[in-house]
Amino acid sequence: MFINALQKAVGLGHDKPAYVEVAQALKEGIRADYVSGQNDVLGVALVILLSYLIIAGIALGGSKEFLRMIWVRCKGGNFVEKHGVAACLINMGFLGLISTAYILITPGGQLGGPTYACVWTAVGFAAYGVTLRMYLPTMGGVFLAALITGGLGGLAEDISFFEAGLAKVSSRGMLLAAIYSCGMAPIAGEHGVLAGLFVGVAHAILVPNIGVLHGWMSLYNNGLSLSFIAVFMHPIYSKLHIHYEKKKTAAT
C-alpha cells in the first residue's frame, strides 16, 4: 500500500486493476477458456477426495469427538492438539463439502482454479480454528451482503433486484469472499452467530475495494480485508462481551 501511494505521489501509481486490460483484450476475441469452470470434473473430484477424509476420520474413531468439537464454543486454535487427527479429518471433509456445495448451488457459480484452491484453503482451516457452526454465519453474511448490494445496484440500472443480486453472489470475487470468510469464523465461535454474520457482511463490502489501496499489486485481498475487519471488530466485540458478563454477574 505504501509503495503504491509513493508511486502515485510522483505520478507513477495506478488505480486501474491490471486485469482490466485483460478483459479488454478478451472482448477483441482472445480466448477466455480460463474464465469458465469445470463444475462436473472438479466437483466430482472434490466430492471423492473430501468424502475420503470423512470416511478416514470415522474409521479412525473420530465421530464422537467431531460432534463434541462442532458444539463447543471456542475462538479457534489447533484442533489437532485439542480434538485429535480423526475428528479433524471429518471436520475438514464437511467444511470442504459445504464450500463446494455453496459454489455449485449458487446460480452461475463456477469451480475453476481460484475457487477450487479456495475450497482447499477452507479445508486447511478446519484443522486450525474453524467448524461448521462458526463458518456458516460468516458465509451467510457474505451471501446476504452480495445479494442486497448487487440487487440495489441492479435497481439503479433498471435490472431486476434478484437477477442483479444473484449475479453478484455468483461472481468469482464474491464466491472467493464467501469461502475465505472462514478466516473470520473464530469471531463467530467466540462472540456468537450475529457477530459472525456481521463480519461476513463487512467482508463482502470491503474486499472488492481493497485492491485500490495497493494498486492491485497483491492477490491477498481477502486476507487483507479480513485482517482490517478483525483489528477493528474484535476489540469491540470483546468489550461488549465483558460488559455483558459484568451485567450478568451483577444480576445474579
Protein backbone atom coordinates (compact mmCIF):
# COMPACT_ATOMS: atom_id res chain seq x y z
CA MET A 1 0.00 0.00 0.00
CA PHE A 2 2.83 2.38 0.86
CA ILE A 3 4.71 1.62 -2.37
CA ASN A 4 1.64 2.30 -4.49
CA ALA A 5 0.93 5.52 -2.58
CA LEU A 6 4.54 6.60 -3.11
CA GLN A 7 4.31 5.83 -6.84
CA LYS A 8 1.05 7.78 -7.14
CA ALA A 9 2.66 10.72 -5.32
CA VAL A 10 5.13 11.06 -8.19
CA GLY A 11 2.64 10.17 -10.91
CA LEU A 12 3.64 6.53 -11.45
CA GLY A 13 0.98 4.63 -9.49
CA HIS A 14 -2.32 3.47 -10.91
CA ASP A 15 -5.92 3.00 -9.83
CA LYS A 16 -6.98 0.57 -12.56
CA PRO A 17 -6.61 -3.16 -11.89
CA ALA A 18 -4.23 -4.92 -14.25
CA TYR A 19 -6.92 -7.37 -15.31
CA VAL A 20 -8.93 -4.55 -16.90
CA GLU A 21 -6.54 -4.72 -19.85
CA VAL A 22 -7.02 -8.49 -19.97
CA ALA A 23 -10.79 -8.02 -20.09
CA GLN A 24 -10.45 -5.51 -22.90
CA ALA A 25 -8.30 -7.97 -24.85
CA LEU A 26 -10.87 -10.71 -24.31
CA LYS A 27 -13.52 -8.52 -25.90
CA GLU A 28 -11.37 -8.37 -29.01
CA GLY A 29 -11.58 -12.12 -29.49
CA ILE A 30 -8.82 -13.66 -27.37
CA ARG A 31 -9.96 -16.98 -25.96
CA ALA A 32 -11.18 -16.83 -22.39
CA ASP A 33 -11.43 -20.52 -21.55
CA TYR A 34 -9.80 -19.95 -18.17
CA VAL A 35 -12.75 -17.80 -17.08
CA SER A 36 -15.25 -20.67 -17.14
CA GLY A 37 -15.07 -23.50 -14.63
CA GLN A 38 -15.25 -27.28 -14.80
CA ASN A 39 -18.08 -27.98 -12.37
CA ASP A 40 -18.51 -31.59 -13.40
CA VAL A 41 -14.87 -32.72 -13.31
CA LEU A 42 -13.71 -30.64 -10.35
CA GLY A 43 -16.98 -31.17 -8.48
CA VAL A 44 -16.69 -34.95 -8.71
CA ALA A 45 -13.02 -34.81 -7.73
CA LEU A 46 -13.79 -32.70 -4.66
CA VAL A 47 -16.67 -34.92 -3.54
CA ILE A 48 -14.49 -38.04 -3.81
CA LEU A 49 -11.49 -36.55 -2.02
CA LEU A 50 -13.50 -34.84 0.72
CA SER A 51 -15.66 -37.92 1.30
CA TYR A 52 -12.45 -39.90 1.71
CA LEU A 53 -11.39 -37.55 4.52
CA ILE A 54 -14.72 -38.09 6.29
CA ILE A 55 -14.59 -41.87 5.88
CA ALA A 56 -10.98 -41.97 7.10
CA GLY A 57 -11.86 -39.90 10.16
CA ILE A 58 -14.82 -42.15 11.00
CA ALA A 59 -12.69 -45.25 10.51
CA LEU A 60 -10.13 -43.83 12.95
CA GLY A 61 -12.85 -43.34 15.54
CA GLY A 62 -13.29 -39.59 15.40
CA SER A 63 -17.11 -39.38 15.15
CA LYS A 64 -17.80 -38.75 18.84
CA GLU A 65 -15.09 -36.14 19.22
CA PHE A 66 -16.19 -34.44 15.98
CA LEU A 67 -19.72 -33.98 17.34
CA ARG A 68 -18.28 -32.52 20.52
CA MET A 69 -15.97 -30.26 18.51
CA ILE A 70 -18.69 -28.58 16.47
CA TRP A 71 -20.80 -27.72 19.53
CA VAL A 72 -18.01 -26.38 21.73
CA ARG A 73 -17.94 -22.59 21.71
CA CYS A 74 -14.35 -21.50 21.22
CA LYS A 75 -12.12 -18.97 19.50
CA GLY A 76 -10.27 -21.42 17.30
CA GLY A 77 -6.82 -22.82 17.89
CA ASN A 78 -5.02 -26.01 16.94
CA PHE A 79 -7.82 -28.58 16.64
CA VAL A 80 -5.37 -31.44 16.05
CA GLU A 81 -3.99 -30.91 19.56
CA LYS A 82 -7.42 -30.27 21.09
CA HIS A 83 -9.53 -32.92 19.39
CA GLY A 84 -7.21 -35.32 17.57
CA VAL A 85 -6.47 -36.11 13.94
CA ALA A 86 -9.56 -38.28 13.33
CA ALA A 87 -12.08 -35.62 14.36
CA CYS A 88 -10.19 -33.02 12.32
CA LEU A 89 -10.32 -35.20 9.20
CA ILE A 90 -14.11 -35.38 9.48
CA ASN A 91 -14.32 -31.64 10.07
CA MET A 92 -12.08 -30.98 7.06
CA GLY A 93 -14.25 -33.14 4.83
CA PHE A 94 -17.50 -31.47 5.88
CA LEU A 95 -16.14 -27.93 5.58
CA GLY A 96 -14.87 -28.75 2.10
CA LEU A 97 -18.21 -30.24 1.04
CA ILE A 98 -20.13 -27.21 2.37
CA SER A 99 -17.79 -24.89 0.45
CA THR A 100 -18.15 -26.95 -2.73
CA ALA A 101 -21.94 -27.08 -2.36
CA TYR A 102 -22.09 -23.30 -1.93
CA ILE A 103 -20.28 -22.77 -5.23
CA LEU A 104 -22.28 -25.37 -7.16
CA ILE A 105 -25.70 -24.39 -5.76
CA THR A 106 -25.17 -20.69 -6.39
CA PRO A 107 -26.70 -19.90 -9.81
CA GLY A 108 -23.82 -19.44 -12.23
CA GLY A 109 -21.18 -20.49 -9.68
CA GLN A 110 -18.05 -21.87 -11.32
CA LEU A 111 -15.44 -24.29 -9.97
CA GLY A 112 -12.28 -23.04 -11.62
CA GLY A 113 -8.67 -22.72 -10.49
CA PRO A 114 -9.20 -19.96 -7.89
CA THR A 115 -12.41 -21.37 -6.40
CA TYR A 116 -11.07 -24.95 -6.38
CA ALA A 117 -7.97 -23.80 -4.49
CA CYS A 118 -10.16 -21.70 -2.20
CA VAL A 119 -12.10 -24.81 -1.12
CA TRP A 120 -8.85 -26.46 -0.04
CA THR A 121 -7.96 -23.36 1.96
CA ALA A 122 -11.19 -23.82 3.93
CA VAL A 123 -10.28 -27.49 4.38
CA GLY A 124 -6.96 -26.45 5.89
CA PHE A 125 -8.64 -24.04 8.31
CA ALA A 126 -10.83 -26.92 9.50
CA ALA A 127 -7.80 -28.30 11.33
CA TYR A 128 -6.92 -24.94 12.83
CA GLY A 129 -9.78 -22.98 14.25
CA VAL A 130 -12.94 -23.39 12.13
CA THR A 131 -16.02 -25.57 12.48
CA LEU A 132 -19.32 -25.60 10.60
CA ARG A 133 -21.01 -23.76 13.46
CA MET A 134 -18.52 -20.90 13.12
CA TYR A 135 -18.29 -20.95 9.33
CA LEU A 136 -21.94 -20.79 8.26
CA PRO A 137 -22.67 -17.35 9.82
CA THR A 138 -19.73 -15.65 8.07
CA MET A 139 -20.59 -17.32 4.77
CA GLY A 140 -24.22 -16.30 5.22
CA GLY A 141 -23.15 -12.72 5.87
CA VAL A 142 -21.23 -12.57 2.60
CA PHE A 143 -24.20 -14.05 0.73
CA LEU A 144 -26.68 -11.54 2.18
CA ALA A 145 -24.41 -8.56 1.56
CA ALA A 146 -23.69 -9.59 -2.03
CA LEU A 147 -27.38 -10.23 -2.73
CA ILE A 148 -28.58 -6.94 -1.26
CA THR A 149 -25.84 -4.66 -2.60
CA GLY A 150 -25.95 -6.34 -6.01
CA GLY A 151 -29.73 -6.08 -6.10
CA LEU A 152 -29.74 -2.40 -5.15
CA GLY A 153 -27.09 -1.71 -7.76
CA GLY A 154 -29.24 -3.51 -10.32
CA LEU A 155 -32.31 -1.44 -9.48
CA ALA A 156 -30.28 1.69 -10.17
CA GLU A 157 -29.65 0.31 -13.66
CA ASP A 158 -33.27 -0.85 -14.19
CA ILE A 159 -32.35 -4.52 -13.67
CA SER A 160 -34.37 -6.95 -11.56
CA PHE A 161 -33.27 -6.93 -7.90
CA PHE A 162 -32.85 -10.69 -7.64
CA GLU A 163 -31.33 -11.04 -11.08
CA ALA A 164 -28.63 -8.49 -10.30
CA GLY A 165 -28.22 -9.74 -6.74
CA LEU A 166 -27.71 -13.37 -7.76
CA ALA A 167 -25.31 -12.29 -10.49
CA LYS A 168 -23.14 -10.62 -7.85
CA VAL A 169 -23.44 -13.59 -5.47
CA SER A 170 -22.21 -15.94 -8.19
CA SER A 171 -19.36 -13.69 -9.34
CA ARG A 172 -15.91 -15.15 -8.77
CA GLY A 173 -14.96 -12.38 -6.35
CA MET A 174 -17.97 -12.98 -4.10
CA LEU A 175 -17.58 -16.76 -4.26
CA LEU A 176 -13.99 -16.38 -3.07
CA ALA A 177 -15.12 -13.92 -0.38
CA ALA A 178 -17.75 -16.37 0.91
CA ILE A 179 -15.31 -19.30 1.14
CA TYR A 180 -12.40 -17.26 2.51
CA SER A 181 -14.69 -15.83 5.18
CA CYS A 182 -13.76 -18.96 7.11
CA GLY A 183 -10.71 -16.94 8.16
CA MET A 184 -13.07 -14.80 10.27
CA ALA A 185 -15.09 -17.75 11.60
CA PRO A 186 -13.39 -17.78 15.05
CA ILE A 187 -15.15 -14.45 15.75
CA ALA A 188 -18.47 -16.28 15.38
CA GLY A 189 -17.09 -19.04 17.60
CA GLU A 190 -16.16 -16.62 20.36
CA HIS A 191 -18.81 -13.90 20.06
CA GLY A 192 -21.81 -15.67 18.52
CA VAL A 193 -23.78 -16.05 15.29
CA LEU A 194 -24.77 -12.39 14.87
CA ALA A 195 -21.16 -11.29 15.26
CA GLY A 196 -20.15 -13.79 12.56
CA LEU A 197 -22.95 -12.65 10.28
CA PHE A 198 -21.91 -9.02 10.64
CA VAL A 199 -18.23 -9.61 9.85
CA GLY A 200 -19.31 -11.60 6.79
CA VAL A 201 -21.35 -8.61 5.60
CA ALA A 202 -18.42 -6.28 6.26
CA HIS A 203 -16.04 -8.55 4.36
CA ALA A 204 -18.28 -8.69 1.28
CA ILE A 205 -18.44 -4.88 1.22
CA LEU A 206 -14.76 -4.25 1.89
CA VAL A 207 -12.89 -6.89 -0.11
CA PRO A 208 -13.79 -5.66 -3.65
CA ASN A 209 -12.22 -2.31 -2.79
CA ILE A 210 -9.02 -3.47 -1.09
CA GLY A 211 -7.11 -3.60 -4.37
CA VAL A 212 -7.39 0.18 -4.73
CA LEU A 213 -5.10 0.60 -1.71
CA HIS A 214 -2.15 -1.21 -3.26
CA GLY A 215 -2.91 -0.76 -6.95
CA TRP A 216 -3.77 -4.45 -7.42
CA MET A 217 -0.14 -5.44 -6.82
CA SER A 218 -1.16 -8.18 -4.36
CA LEU A 219 -3.54 -11.13 -4.76
CA TYR A 220 -4.04 -11.47 -1.00
CA ASN A 221 -7.05 -9.18 -0.87
CA ASN A 222 -9.32 -11.48 1.12
CA GLY A 223 -6.72 -11.91 3.84
CA LEU A 224 -6.06 -8.18 3.97
CA SER A 225 -9.77 -7.39 4.21
CA LEU A 226 -10.27 -9.97 6.97
CA SER A 227 -7.30 -8.51 8.85
CA PHE A 228 -8.75 -5.00 8.78
CA ILE A 229 -12.13 -6.26 9.99
CA ALA A 230 -10.59 -8.36 12.77
CA VAL A 231 -8.44 -5.48 14.02
CA PHE A 232 -11.47 -3.20 14.07
CA MET A 233 -14.27 -5.51 15.26
CA HIS A 234 -12.66 -7.99 17.67
CA PRO A 235 -11.84 -5.39 20.35
CA ILE A 236 -15.38 -4.01 20.11
CA TYR A 237 -16.96 -7.44 20.44
CA SER A 238 -14.62 -8.28 23.33
CA LYS A 239 -15.56 -5.08 25.18
CA LEU A 240 -19.27 -5.70 24.64
CA HIS A 241 -18.84 -9.28 25.86
CA ILE A 242 -17.07 -8.07 29.02
CA HIS A 243 -19.91 -5.61 29.75
CA TYR A 244 -22.46 -8.38 29.18
CA GLU A 245 -20.64 -10.71 31.59
CA LYS A 246 -20.42 -7.96 34.22
CA LYS A 247 -24.15 -7.26 33.96
CA LYS A 248 -24.96 -10.95 34.14
CA THR A 249 -22.76 -11.37 37.21
CA ALA A 250 -24.34 -8.32 38.87
CA ALA A 251 -27.84 -9.65 38.17
CA THR A 252 -27.06 -12.98 39.81
